[in-house]
Amino acid sequence: MKATTGASSLTIKGDDVTDAEMGSITLDLAVDSKGECTGSLSIGDEGTADLVKTCEIFYMKYDEALLRQESEGEPAEEVDATVKLLAGRWMESKASDPDTKDMIEFCDLKGLLKSIEANDTAARKAGEEKVDGKPALRLTEKDGKETHTFHVAAEGDPYILRIASTGGEEPMTLNLSEFNQPVVAEKPAAKDIVDLGQ
């Protein structure tokens, strides 16, 4: 746990991660301890958003499906106009903007790993398995109705390679990789950014 939370960066991939506000999400993000991040997330069957955070500026790009879902209930003409303006193009905002709060949480490495506590001693060995072809020690821990499973690298640095939670209200499986690799979060090309002020 100490090794994992001490990593300067990592890639985090999750399928069917349940978020209390967003529902079921799938994510694929490279994040570092300075808050730089790049990747994408899908919200159930609603659509996909790409995100980039660099130098305290946050960029987000929705696909058409997600824009239509987010605009549900609005007049058709307004929805079509929104899709025409924004689908496949980047929106720019400051990282401190309250409107970006829900999405920008995915760029907070410490926040993403907050469920991993370095002084946690309740987990017990539960055999060995491979995660993406890498040998790992499997550890399990019960917390009320929830079961948490951790797969820890059995070779090299003891990074947590997979975290899974079942039986609770927010089940999830997260795969962690690319530890300490540079996160290349580049500002999108100016021609692909929508000037919302106009």
N, C-alpha and C. Protein backbone atom coordinates (compact mmCIF):
# COMPACT_ATOMS: atom_id res chain seq x y z
N MET A 1 0.83 -1.20 0.00
CA MET A 1 0.00 0.00 0.00
C MET A 1 0.87 1.25 0.00
N LYS A 2 1.96 1.19 0.77
CA LYS A 2 2.88 2.32 0.82
C LYS A 2 3.53 2.53 -0.55
N ALA A 3 3.92 1.43 -1.20
CA ALA A 3 4.55 1.53 -2.53
C ALA A 3 3.58 2.15 -3.54
N THR A 4 2.33 1.70 -3.51
CA THR A 4 1.35 2.15 -4.50
C THR A 4 1.01 3.62 -4.31
N THR A 5 0.73 4.02 -3.08
CA THR A 5 0.37 5.42 -2.83
C THR A 5 1.57 6.34 -3.00
N GLY A 6 2.78 5.77 -2.99
CA GLY A 6 3.99 6.56 -3.17
C GLY A 6 4.41 6.70 -4.62
N ALA A 7 3.71 6.03 -5.54
CA ALA A 7 4.06 6.12 -6.96
C ALA A 7 3.82 7.55 -7.47
N SER A 8 4.69 8.02 -8.33
CA SER A 8 4.54 9.39 -8.85
C SER A 8 3.49 9.47 -9.94
N SER A 9 3.15 8.32 -10.54
CA SER A 9 2.12 8.29 -11.57
C SER A 9 1.68 6.85 -11.79
N LEU A 10 0.53 6.68 -12.43
CA LEU A 10 0.07 5.35 -12.81
C LEU A 10 -1.07 5.48 -13.81
N THR A 11 -1.36 4.37 -14.44
CA THR A 11 -2.54 4.28 -15.31
C THR A 11 -3.58 3.47 -14.58
N ILE A 12 -4.80 3.96 -14.57
CA ILE A 12 -5.88 3.29 -13.86
C ILE A 12 -7.00 2.98 -14.85
N LYS A 13 -7.37 1.70 -14.91
CA LYS A 13 -8.44 1.27 -15.82
C LYS A 13 -9.51 0.56 -15.01
N GLY A 14 -10.75 0.90 -15.28
CA GLY A 14 -11.84 0.28 -14.54
C GLY A 14 -13.02 0.00 -15.43
N ASP A 15 -13.62 -1.16 -15.25
CA ASP A 15 -14.87 -1.51 -15.94
C ASP A 15 -15.96 -1.65 -14.90
N ASP A 16 -17.14 -1.15 -15.23
CA ASP A 16 -18.28 -1.27 -14.32
C ASP A 16 -17.98 -0.76 -12.92
N VAL A 17 -17.30 0.38 -12.86
CA VAL A 17 -17.08 1.04 -11.58
C VAL A 17 -18.38 1.79 -11.25
N THR A 18 -18.90 1.60 -10.05
CA THR A 18 -20.16 2.23 -9.69
C THR A 18 -19.90 3.48 -8.87
N ASP A 19 -20.35 4.61 -9.40
CA ASP A 19 -20.21 5.89 -8.73
C ASP A 19 -21.59 6.32 -8.25
N ALA A 20 -21.67 6.82 -7.00
CA ALA A 20 -22.96 7.17 -6.41
C ALA A 20 -23.73 8.18 -7.25
N GLU A 21 -23.02 9.12 -7.89
CA GLU A 21 -23.70 10.17 -8.65
C GLU A 21 -23.85 9.83 -10.13
N MET A 22 -22.85 9.18 -10.71
CA MET A 22 -22.85 8.95 -12.15
C MET A 22 -23.39 7.58 -12.57
N GLY A 23 -23.48 6.66 -11.62
CA GLY A 23 -23.89 5.30 -11.99
C GLY A 23 -22.70 4.48 -12.43
N SER A 24 -22.88 3.63 -13.43
CA SER A 24 -21.82 2.74 -13.89
C SER A 24 -20.89 3.48 -14.85
N ILE A 25 -19.59 3.45 -14.56
CA ILE A 25 -18.63 4.12 -15.43
C ILE A 25 -17.48 3.18 -15.79
N THR A 26 -16.90 3.42 -16.95
CA THR A 26 -15.69 2.74 -17.39
C THR A 26 -14.64 3.82 -17.59
N LEU A 27 -13.44 3.61 -17.05
CA LEU A 27 -12.43 4.66 -17.18
C LEU A 27 -11.08 4.10 -17.57
N ASP A 28 -10.30 4.94 -18.22
CA ASP A 28 -8.94 4.61 -18.64
C ASP A 28 -8.15 5.91 -18.58
N LEU A 29 -7.41 6.10 -17.49
CA LEU A 29 -6.75 7.38 -17.23
C LEU A 29 -5.30 7.20 -16.81
N ALA A 30 -4.43 8.05 -17.32
CA ALA A 30 -3.07 8.16 -16.83
C ALA A 30 -3.02 9.40 -15.95
N VAL A 31 -2.56 9.25 -14.71
CA VAL A 31 -2.62 10.34 -13.73
C VAL A 31 -1.28 10.42 -13.00
N ASP A 32 -0.82 11.64 -12.69
CA ASP A 32 0.38 11.74 -11.87
C ASP A 32 0.11 12.56 -10.61
N SER A 33 1.10 12.58 -9.72
CA SER A 33 0.92 13.21 -8.41
C SER A 33 0.85 14.73 -8.51
N LYS A 34 1.20 15.32 -9.66
CA LYS A 34 1.12 16.77 -9.84
C LYS A 34 -0.26 17.18 -10.36
N GLY A 35 -1.12 16.19 -10.64
CA GLY A 35 -2.46 16.50 -11.11
C GLY A 35 -2.60 16.51 -12.62
N GLU A 36 -1.51 16.19 -13.34
CA GLU A 36 -1.61 16.06 -14.80
C GLU A 36 -2.36 14.77 -15.11
N CYS A 37 -3.26 14.81 -16.06
CA CYS A 37 -3.93 13.56 -16.41
C CYS A 37 -4.48 13.61 -17.82
N THR A 38 -4.68 12.43 -18.38
CA THR A 38 -5.25 12.31 -19.72
C THR A 38 -5.92 10.95 -19.84
N GLY A 39 -7.02 10.90 -20.56
CA GLY A 39 -7.71 9.62 -20.73
C GLY A 39 -9.16 9.82 -21.07
N SER A 40 -9.96 8.79 -20.80
CA SER A 40 -11.38 8.85 -21.15
C SER A 40 -12.21 8.12 -20.12
N LEU A 41 -13.50 8.46 -20.09
CA LEU A 41 -14.42 7.70 -19.28
C LEU A 41 -15.77 7.62 -19.98
N SER A 42 -16.41 6.48 -19.81
CA SER A 42 -17.74 6.26 -20.38
C SER A 42 -18.72 6.12 -19.23
N ILE A 43 -19.89 6.73 -19.39
CA ILE A 43 -20.91 6.69 -18.34
C ILE A 43 -22.03 5.77 -18.81
N GLY A 44 -22.02 4.54 -18.28
CA GLY A 44 -23.01 3.54 -18.67
C GLY A 44 -23.11 3.43 -20.17
N ASP A 45 -24.35 3.44 -20.67
CA ASP A 45 -24.58 3.41 -22.12
C ASP A 45 -24.77 4.81 -22.67
N GLU A 46 -24.50 5.83 -21.85
CA GLU A 46 -24.84 7.20 -22.23
C GLU A 46 -23.85 7.83 -23.20
N GLY A 47 -22.61 7.40 -23.17
CA GLY A 47 -21.62 7.99 -24.07
C GLY A 47 -20.27 8.13 -23.38
N THR A 48 -19.35 8.80 -24.07
CA THR A 48 -17.96 8.88 -23.62
C THR A 48 -17.47 10.33 -23.58
N ALA A 49 -16.62 10.61 -22.59
CA ALA A 49 -15.96 11.91 -22.49
C ALA A 49 -14.45 11.68 -22.41
N ASP A 50 -13.70 12.50 -23.15
CA ASP A 50 -12.24 12.50 -23.05
C ASP A 50 -11.83 13.66 -22.17
N LEU A 51 -10.78 13.45 -21.35
CA LEU A 51 -10.33 14.51 -20.47
C LEU A 51 -8.83 14.71 -20.55
N VAL A 52 -8.42 15.95 -20.38
CA VAL A 52 -7.00 16.30 -20.26
C VAL A 52 -6.92 17.39 -19.21
N LYS A 53 -6.01 17.24 -18.25
CA LYS A 53 -5.74 18.32 -17.30
C LYS A 53 -4.24 18.59 -17.33
N THR A 54 -3.90 19.83 -17.62
CA THR A 54 -2.48 20.20 -17.64
C THR A 54 -2.35 21.67 -17.24
N CYS A 55 -1.37 21.96 -16.37
CA CYS A 55 -1.10 23.34 -15.93
C CYS A 55 -2.36 24.02 -15.38
N GLU A 56 -3.14 23.29 -14.59
CA GLU A 56 -4.34 23.82 -13.95
C GLU A 56 -5.44 24.22 -14.93
N ILE A 57 -5.35 23.78 -16.18
CA ILE A 57 -6.44 23.97 -17.14
C ILE A 57 -7.02 22.59 -17.46
N PHE A 58 -8.33 22.53 -17.50
CA PHE A 58 -9.02 21.26 -17.71
C PHE A 58 -9.75 21.30 -19.04
N TYR A 59 -9.54 20.28 -19.84
CA TYR A 59 -10.19 20.16 -21.15
C TYR A 59 -11.07 18.92 -21.16
N MET A 60 -12.26 19.07 -21.71
CA MET A 60 -13.16 17.93 -21.79
C MET A 60 -13.86 17.90 -23.14
N LYS A 61 -14.00 16.70 -23.69
CA LYS A 61 -14.63 16.53 -25.00
C LYS A 61 -15.68 15.43 -24.89
N TYR A 62 -16.93 15.78 -25.19
CA TYR A 62 -18.04 14.82 -25.15
C TYR A 62 -18.31 14.27 -26.55
N ASP A 63 -18.74 13.02 -26.63
CA ASP A 63 -19.25 12.53 -27.90
C ASP A 63 -20.73 12.91 -28.02
N GLU A 64 -21.30 12.69 -29.19
CA GLU A 64 -22.68 13.11 -29.43
C GLU A 64 -23.66 12.43 -28.48
N ALA A 65 -23.46 11.13 -28.25
CA ALA A 65 -24.40 10.38 -27.40
C ALA A 65 -24.47 10.96 -25.99
N LEU A 66 -23.31 11.31 -25.42
CA LEU A 66 -23.29 11.85 -24.06
C LEU A 66 -23.90 13.25 -24.02
N LEU A 67 -23.64 14.06 -25.05
CA LEU A 67 -24.24 15.39 -25.11
C LEU A 67 -25.77 15.30 -25.15
N ARG A 68 -26.29 14.37 -25.95
CA ARG A 68 -27.74 14.23 -26.04
C ARG A 68 -28.32 13.75 -24.71
N GLN A 69 -27.60 12.86 -24.03
CA GLN A 69 -28.07 12.37 -22.74
C GLN A 69 -28.09 13.50 -21.70
N GLU A 70 -27.01 14.29 -21.70
CA GLU A 70 -26.89 15.40 -20.74
C GLU A 70 -27.95 16.48 -21.00
N SER A 71 -28.41 16.58 -22.26
CA SER A 71 -29.38 17.61 -22.63
C SER A 71 -30.81 17.08 -22.66
N GLU A 72 -31.00 15.89 -22.13
CA GLU A 72 -32.33 15.28 -22.18
C GLU A 72 -33.39 16.19 -21.54
N GLY A 73 -34.53 16.34 -22.21
CA GLY A 73 -35.59 17.19 -21.69
C GLY A 73 -35.57 18.61 -22.25
N GLU A 74 -34.45 18.98 -22.89
CA GLU A 74 -34.35 20.30 -23.50
C GLU A 74 -35.06 20.28 -24.87
N PRO A 75 -35.45 21.44 -25.39
CA PRO A 75 -36.05 21.48 -26.74
C PRO A 75 -35.11 20.88 -27.78
N ALA A 76 -35.68 20.15 -28.73
CA ALA A 76 -34.88 19.44 -29.74
C ALA A 76 -33.93 20.37 -30.48
N GLU A 77 -34.39 21.58 -30.81
CA GLU A 77 -33.54 22.52 -31.55
C GLU A 77 -32.31 22.90 -30.74
N GLU A 78 -32.50 23.10 -29.44
CA GLU A 78 -31.37 23.45 -28.58
C GLU A 78 -30.39 22.29 -28.47
N VAL A 79 -30.93 21.08 -28.34
CA VAL A 79 -30.07 19.89 -28.24
C VAL A 79 -29.24 19.74 -29.52
N ASP A 80 -29.90 19.88 -30.67
CA ASP A 80 -29.19 19.75 -31.95
C ASP A 80 -28.11 20.83 -32.09
N ALA A 81 -28.43 22.04 -31.64
CA ALA A 81 -27.45 23.13 -31.72
C ALA A 81 -26.25 22.85 -30.81
N THR A 82 -26.53 22.31 -29.61
CA THR A 82 -25.46 21.96 -28.67
C THR A 82 -24.56 20.88 -29.26
N VAL A 83 -25.18 19.86 -29.84
CA VAL A 83 -24.42 18.76 -30.45
C VAL A 83 -23.55 19.29 -31.59
N LYS A 84 -24.15 20.15 -32.43
CA LYS A 84 -23.41 20.70 -33.58
C LYS A 84 -22.19 21.50 -33.12
N LEU A 85 -22.36 22.24 -32.03
CA LEU A 85 -21.29 23.11 -31.52
C LEU A 85 -20.20 22.33 -30.78
N LEU A 86 -20.60 21.34 -29.97
CA LEU A 86 -19.67 20.75 -29.02
C LEU A 86 -19.22 19.32 -29.30
N ALA A 87 -19.99 18.53 -30.02
CA ALA A 87 -19.63 17.11 -30.21
C ALA A 87 -18.25 16.98 -30.85
N GLY A 88 -17.38 16.23 -30.19
CA GLY A 88 -16.05 15.98 -30.73
C GLY A 88 -15.09 17.15 -30.62
N ARG A 89 -15.50 18.21 -29.89
CA ARG A 89 -14.62 19.36 -29.71
C ARG A 89 -14.35 19.57 -28.21
N TRP A 90 -13.21 20.18 -27.92
CA TRP A 90 -12.80 20.35 -26.52
C TRP A 90 -13.39 21.61 -25.91
N MET A 91 -13.82 21.49 -24.66
CA MET A 91 -14.22 22.65 -23.86
C MET A 91 -13.12 22.91 -22.84
N GLU A 92 -12.80 24.16 -22.63
CA GLU A 92 -11.69 24.54 -21.75
C GLU A 92 -12.23 25.25 -20.52
N SER A 93 -11.69 24.89 -19.35
CA SER A 93 -12.07 25.59 -18.12
C SER A 93 -10.90 25.53 -17.14
N LYS A 94 -10.96 26.38 -16.13
CA LYS A 94 -9.94 26.33 -15.08
C LYS A 94 -10.21 25.12 -14.19
N ALA A 95 -9.15 24.50 -13.70
CA ALA A 95 -9.31 23.34 -12.84
C ALA A 95 -10.08 23.68 -11.57
N SER A 96 -10.05 24.96 -11.18
CA SER A 96 -10.73 25.39 -9.95
C SER A 96 -12.22 25.68 -10.17
N ASP A 97 -12.68 25.62 -11.41
CA ASP A 97 -14.08 25.91 -11.73
C ASP A 97 -15.00 24.88 -11.07
N PRO A 98 -15.99 25.32 -10.26
CA PRO A 98 -16.88 24.36 -9.57
C PRO A 98 -17.61 23.41 -10.53
N ASP A 99 -17.86 23.86 -11.77
CA ASP A 99 -18.57 23.01 -12.73
C ASP A 99 -17.76 21.78 -13.15
N THR A 100 -16.46 21.83 -12.94
CA THR A 100 -15.62 20.69 -13.35
C THR A 100 -15.38 19.71 -12.20
N LYS A 101 -15.94 20.01 -11.03
CA LYS A 101 -15.62 19.24 -9.81
C LYS A 101 -15.78 17.73 -9.98
N ASP A 102 -16.93 17.29 -10.51
CA ASP A 102 -17.18 15.85 -10.61
C ASP A 102 -16.16 15.16 -11.50
N MET A 103 -15.87 15.78 -12.63
CA MET A 103 -14.95 15.15 -13.58
C MET A 103 -13.50 15.25 -13.14
N ILE A 104 -13.14 16.39 -12.55
CA ILE A 104 -11.73 16.60 -12.23
C ILE A 104 -11.26 15.70 -11.08
N GLU A 105 -12.22 15.16 -10.33
CA GLU A 105 -11.85 14.21 -9.27
C GLU A 105 -11.09 13.01 -9.82
N PHE A 106 -11.34 12.69 -11.09
CA PHE A 106 -10.65 11.56 -11.70
C PHE A 106 -9.19 11.86 -11.99
N CYS A 107 -8.78 13.13 -11.87
CA CYS A 107 -7.39 13.53 -12.08
C CYS A 107 -6.64 13.69 -10.76
N ASP A 108 -7.27 13.33 -9.67
CA ASP A 108 -6.67 13.44 -8.34
C ASP A 108 -6.15 12.07 -7.92
N LEU A 109 -4.84 11.86 -8.09
CA LEU A 109 -4.26 10.55 -7.81
C LEU A 109 -4.49 10.12 -6.36
N LYS A 110 -4.30 11.05 -5.43
CA LYS A 110 -4.51 10.71 -4.02
C LYS A 110 -5.96 10.35 -3.76
N GLY A 111 -6.87 11.10 -4.39
CA GLY A 111 -8.30 10.82 -4.22
C GLY A 111 -8.68 9.46 -4.77
N LEU A 112 -8.11 9.11 -5.93
CA LEU A 112 -8.42 7.81 -6.53
C LEU A 112 -7.94 6.65 -5.66
N LEU A 113 -6.86 6.91 -4.92
CA LEU A 113 -6.29 5.85 -4.09
C LEU A 113 -6.68 5.97 -2.62
N LYS A 114 -7.68 6.82 -2.34
CA LYS A 114 -8.02 7.09 -0.94
C LYS A 114 -8.50 5.85 -0.20
N SER A 115 -9.00 4.85 -0.96
CA SER A 115 -9.48 3.63 -0.29
C SER A 115 -8.31 2.75 0.17
N ILE A 116 -7.09 3.09 -0.26
CA ILE A 116 -5.93 2.30 0.13
C ILE A 116 -5.27 2.99 1.32
N GLU A 117 -5.36 2.38 2.47
CA GLU A 117 -4.80 2.97 3.67
C GLU A 117 -3.53 2.23 4.06
N ALA A 118 -2.45 2.98 4.23
CA ALA A 118 -1.15 2.36 4.47
C ALA A 118 -1.08 1.59 5.79
N ASN A 119 -1.95 1.93 6.75
CA ASN A 119 -1.89 1.24 8.05
C ASN A 119 -2.95 0.14 8.16
N ASP A 120 -3.55 -0.22 7.04
CA ASP A 120 -4.61 -1.24 7.03
C ASP A 120 -3.98 -2.62 7.20
N THR A 121 -4.40 -3.34 8.22
CA THR A 121 -3.80 -4.66 8.49
C THR A 121 -4.84 -5.77 8.50
N ALA A 122 -6.05 -5.49 8.00
CA ALA A 122 -7.12 -6.49 8.05
C ALA A 122 -7.07 -7.50 6.90
N ALA A 123 -6.35 -7.17 5.82
CA ALA A 123 -6.31 -8.07 4.65
C ALA A 123 -5.54 -9.35 4.97
N ARG A 124 -6.01 -10.45 4.38
CA ARG A 124 -5.39 -11.76 4.60
C ARG A 124 -5.05 -12.42 3.27
N LYS A 125 -3.98 -13.21 3.25
CA LYS A 125 -3.57 -13.92 2.03
C LYS A 125 -4.66 -14.87 1.58
N ALA A 126 -4.86 -14.91 0.24
CA ALA A 126 -5.88 -15.80 -0.30
C ALA A 126 -5.40 -16.42 -1.61
N GLY A 127 -4.11 -16.82 -1.62
CA GLY A 127 -3.58 -17.52 -2.78
C GLY A 127 -2.87 -16.60 -3.75
N GLU A 128 -2.51 -17.17 -4.90
CA GLU A 128 -1.79 -16.43 -5.93
C GLU A 128 -2.56 -16.46 -7.24
N GLU A 129 -2.43 -15.39 -8.02
CA GLU A 129 -3.07 -15.29 -9.33
C GLU A 129 -2.19 -14.44 -10.22
N LYS A 130 -2.51 -14.43 -11.52
CA LYS A 130 -1.79 -13.55 -12.43
C LYS A 130 -2.71 -12.40 -12.83
N VAL A 131 -2.13 -11.21 -12.91
CA VAL A 131 -2.86 -10.02 -13.37
C VAL A 131 -2.12 -9.52 -14.60
N ASP A 132 -2.78 -9.58 -15.75
CA ASP A 132 -2.14 -9.21 -17.02
C ASP A 132 -0.81 -9.93 -17.20
N GLY A 133 -0.80 -11.20 -16.85
CA GLY A 133 0.39 -12.03 -17.04
C GLY A 133 1.45 -11.89 -15.97
N LYS A 134 1.21 -11.01 -14.98
CA LYS A 134 2.20 -10.80 -13.92
C LYS A 134 1.79 -11.56 -12.66
N PRO A 135 2.73 -12.29 -12.04
CA PRO A 135 2.39 -13.01 -10.82
C PRO A 135 2.01 -12.06 -9.70
N ALA A 136 0.96 -12.39 -8.98
CA ALA A 136 0.49 -11.50 -7.91
C ALA A 136 -0.03 -12.32 -6.73
N LEU A 137 0.10 -11.75 -5.56
CA LEU A 137 -0.46 -12.32 -4.34
C LEU A 137 -1.85 -11.75 -4.15
N ARG A 138 -2.80 -12.63 -3.87
CA ARG A 138 -4.19 -12.18 -3.70
C ARG A 138 -4.47 -12.01 -2.21
N LEU A 139 -5.03 -10.87 -1.86
CA LEU A 139 -5.38 -10.56 -0.46
C LEU A 139 -6.86 -10.20 -0.41
N THR A 140 -7.54 -10.65 0.63
CA THR A 140 -8.96 -10.28 0.76
C THR A 140 -9.22 -9.70 2.14
N GLU A 141 -10.29 -8.91 2.19
CA GLU A 141 -10.64 -8.23 3.44
C GLU A 141 -12.16 -8.02 3.46
N LYS A 142 -12.78 -8.31 4.56
CA LYS A 142 -14.23 -8.10 4.71
C LYS A 142 -14.47 -6.80 5.46
N ASP A 143 -15.50 -6.07 5.00
CA ASP A 143 -15.90 -4.84 5.66
C ASP A 143 -17.42 -4.81 5.64
N GLY A 144 -18.04 -5.37 6.67
CA GLY A 144 -19.50 -5.50 6.67
C GLY A 144 -19.92 -6.45 5.56
N LYS A 145 -20.79 -5.99 4.66
CA LYS A 145 -21.24 -6.83 3.54
C LYS A 145 -20.24 -6.83 2.39
N GLU A 146 -19.31 -5.87 2.40
CA GLU A 146 -18.37 -5.73 1.29
C GLU A 146 -17.16 -6.64 1.44
N THR A 147 -16.68 -7.14 0.30
CA THR A 147 -15.42 -7.87 0.26
C THR A 147 -14.48 -7.10 -0.65
N HIS A 148 -13.31 -6.76 -0.13
CA HIS A 148 -12.29 -6.07 -0.92
C HIS A 148 -11.19 -7.07 -1.26
N THR A 149 -10.78 -7.09 -2.51
CA THR A 149 -9.71 -7.99 -2.95
C THR A 149 -8.60 -7.15 -3.57
N PHE A 150 -7.38 -7.42 -3.14
CA PHE A 150 -6.21 -6.72 -3.67
C PHE A 150 -5.27 -7.74 -4.30
N HIS A 151 -4.75 -7.44 -5.47
CA HIS A 151 -3.71 -8.26 -6.08
C HIS A 151 -2.42 -7.45 -6.05
N VAL A 152 -1.41 -7.99 -5.37
CA VAL A 152 -0.15 -7.27 -5.18
C VAL A 152 0.94 -7.96 -5.98
N ALA A 153 1.73 -7.17 -6.71
CA ALA A 153 2.81 -7.72 -7.53
C ALA A 153 3.73 -8.58 -6.67
N ALA A 154 3.99 -9.81 -7.14
CA ALA A 154 4.84 -10.74 -6.40
C ALA A 154 6.30 -10.62 -6.82
N GLU A 155 6.56 -9.85 -7.88
CA GLU A 155 7.92 -9.63 -8.36
C GLU A 155 8.16 -8.13 -8.48
N GLY A 156 9.39 -7.70 -8.21
CA GLY A 156 9.70 -6.26 -8.29
C GLY A 156 9.04 -5.50 -7.16
N ASP A 157 8.78 -4.22 -7.38
CA ASP A 157 8.12 -3.39 -6.35
C ASP A 157 6.72 -3.93 -6.08
N PRO A 158 6.32 -3.97 -4.81
CA PRO A 158 5.02 -4.58 -4.46
C PRO A 158 3.83 -3.65 -4.69
N TYR A 159 3.66 -3.24 -5.94
CA TYR A 159 2.53 -2.38 -6.28
C TYR A 159 1.23 -3.19 -6.29
N ILE A 160 0.14 -2.52 -5.95
CA ILE A 160 -1.18 -3.14 -6.08
C ILE A 160 -1.55 -3.08 -7.56
N LEU A 161 -1.82 -4.24 -8.16
CA LEU A 161 -2.13 -4.31 -9.59
C LEU A 161 -3.63 -4.30 -9.86
N ARG A 162 -4.41 -4.72 -8.86
CA ARG A 162 -5.86 -4.73 -9.05
C ARG A 162 -6.55 -4.56 -7.70
N ILE A 163 -7.61 -3.75 -7.70
CA ILE A 163 -8.45 -3.57 -6.52
C ILE A 163 -9.87 -3.91 -6.94
N ALA A 164 -10.52 -4.77 -6.19
CA ALA A 164 -11.91 -5.10 -6.50
C ALA A 164 -12.74 -5.02 -5.23
N SER A 165 -13.97 -4.56 -5.38
CA SER A 165 -14.89 -4.49 -4.25
C SER A 165 -16.23 -5.07 -4.69
N THR A 166 -16.76 -6.00 -3.91
CA THR A 166 -18.05 -6.62 -4.23
C THR A 166 -18.94 -6.64 -2.99
N GLY A 167 -20.24 -6.75 -3.23
CA GLY A 167 -21.18 -6.90 -2.12
C GLY A 167 -21.70 -5.62 -1.53
N GLY A 168 -21.13 -4.47 -1.93
CA GLY A 168 -21.58 -3.18 -1.39
C GLY A 168 -22.38 -2.40 -2.41
N GLU A 169 -22.62 -1.13 -2.10
CA GLU A 169 -23.42 -0.27 -2.97
C GLU A 169 -22.62 0.28 -4.16
N GLU A 170 -21.29 0.26 -4.05
CA GLU A 170 -20.46 0.78 -5.13
C GLU A 170 -19.41 -0.25 -5.54
N PRO A 171 -19.86 -1.37 -6.18
CA PRO A 171 -18.89 -2.39 -6.61
C PRO A 171 -17.96 -1.82 -7.68
N MET A 172 -16.74 -2.36 -7.75
CA MET A 172 -15.80 -1.85 -8.74
C MET A 172 -14.66 -2.84 -8.93
N THR A 173 -14.00 -2.72 -10.06
CA THR A 173 -12.73 -3.39 -10.31
C THR A 173 -11.82 -2.38 -10.99
N LEU A 174 -10.66 -2.12 -10.39
CA LEU A 174 -9.69 -1.18 -10.95
C LEU A 174 -8.38 -1.91 -11.19
N ASN A 175 -7.81 -1.74 -12.38
CA ASN A 175 -6.50 -2.29 -12.69
C ASN A 175 -5.49 -1.16 -12.74
N LEU A 176 -4.37 -1.31 -12.05
CA LEU A 176 -3.34 -0.28 -11.97
C LEU A 176 -2.09 -0.76 -12.69
N SER A 177 -1.48 0.13 -13.48
CA SER A 177 -0.27 -0.23 -14.23
C SER A 177 0.52 1.03 -14.56
N GLU A 178 1.59 0.85 -15.33
CA GLU A 178 2.42 1.99 -15.79
C GLU A 178 2.88 2.88 -14.64
N PHE A 179 3.33 2.25 -13.55
CA PHE A 179 3.77 3.01 -12.37
C PHE A 179 5.01 3.84 -12.70
N ASN A 180 4.98 5.10 -12.25
CA ASN A 180 6.12 6.03 -12.39
C ASN A 180 6.48 6.34 -13.84
N GLN A 181 5.56 6.13 -14.77
CA GLN A 181 5.80 6.49 -16.17
C GLN A 181 5.32 7.92 -16.41
N PRO A 182 6.01 8.68 -17.24
CA PRO A 182 5.58 10.08 -17.49
C PRO A 182 4.16 10.14 -18.06
N VAL A 183 3.38 11.09 -17.56
CA VAL A 183 2.03 11.32 -18.08
C VAL A 183 2.12 12.48 -19.07
N VAL A 184 1.83 12.20 -20.33
CA VAL A 184 1.92 13.22 -21.37
C VAL A 184 0.52 13.81 -21.58
N ALA A 185 0.24 14.89 -20.86
CA ALA A 185 -1.06 15.57 -20.95
C ALA A 185 -0.86 16.85 -21.74
N GLU A 186 -1.23 16.82 -23.02
CA GLU A 186 -0.97 17.97 -23.89
C GLU A 186 -2.24 18.75 -24.17
N LYS A 187 -2.09 20.06 -24.21
CA LYS A 187 -3.21 20.93 -24.56
C LYS A 187 -3.67 20.60 -25.98
N PRO A 188 -4.98 20.43 -26.18
CA PRO A 188 -5.48 20.16 -27.54
C PRO A 188 -5.15 21.32 -28.48
N ALA A 189 -5.15 21.03 -29.78
CA ALA A 189 -4.89 22.08 -30.79
C ALA A 189 -5.97 23.15 -30.69
N ALA A 190 -5.56 24.41 -30.85
CA ALA A 190 -6.48 25.54 -30.71
C ALA A 190 -7.70 25.40 -31.60
N LYS A 191 -7.54 24.86 -32.80
CA LYS A 191 -8.67 24.74 -33.75
C LYS A 191 -9.72 23.75 -33.25
N ASP A 192 -9.35 22.88 -32.28
CA ASP A 192 -10.28 21.88 -31.78
C ASP A 192 -10.94 22.30 -30.47
N ILE A 193 -10.61 23.51 -29.98
CA ILE A 193 -11.17 24.01 -28.71
C ILE A 193 -12.30 24.98 -29.01
N VAL A 194 -13.45 24.80 -28.36
CA VAL A 194 -14.59 25.69 -28.53
C VAL A 194 -14.41 26.89 -27.60
N ASP A 195 -14.59 28.09 -28.13
CA ASP A 195 -14.57 29.29 -27.31
C ASP A 195 -15.98 29.51 -26.75
N LEU A 196 -16.21 29.02 -25.55
CA LEU A 196 -17.55 29.11 -24.96
C LEU A 196 -17.95 30.56 -24.67
N GLY A 197 -16.96 31.42 -24.53
CA GLY A 197 -17.27 32.84 -24.29
C GLY A 197 -17.97 33.48 -25.48
N GLN A 198 -17.76 32.91 -26.65
CA GLN A 198 -18.40 33.47 -27.84
C GLN A 198 -19.71 32.76 -28.18
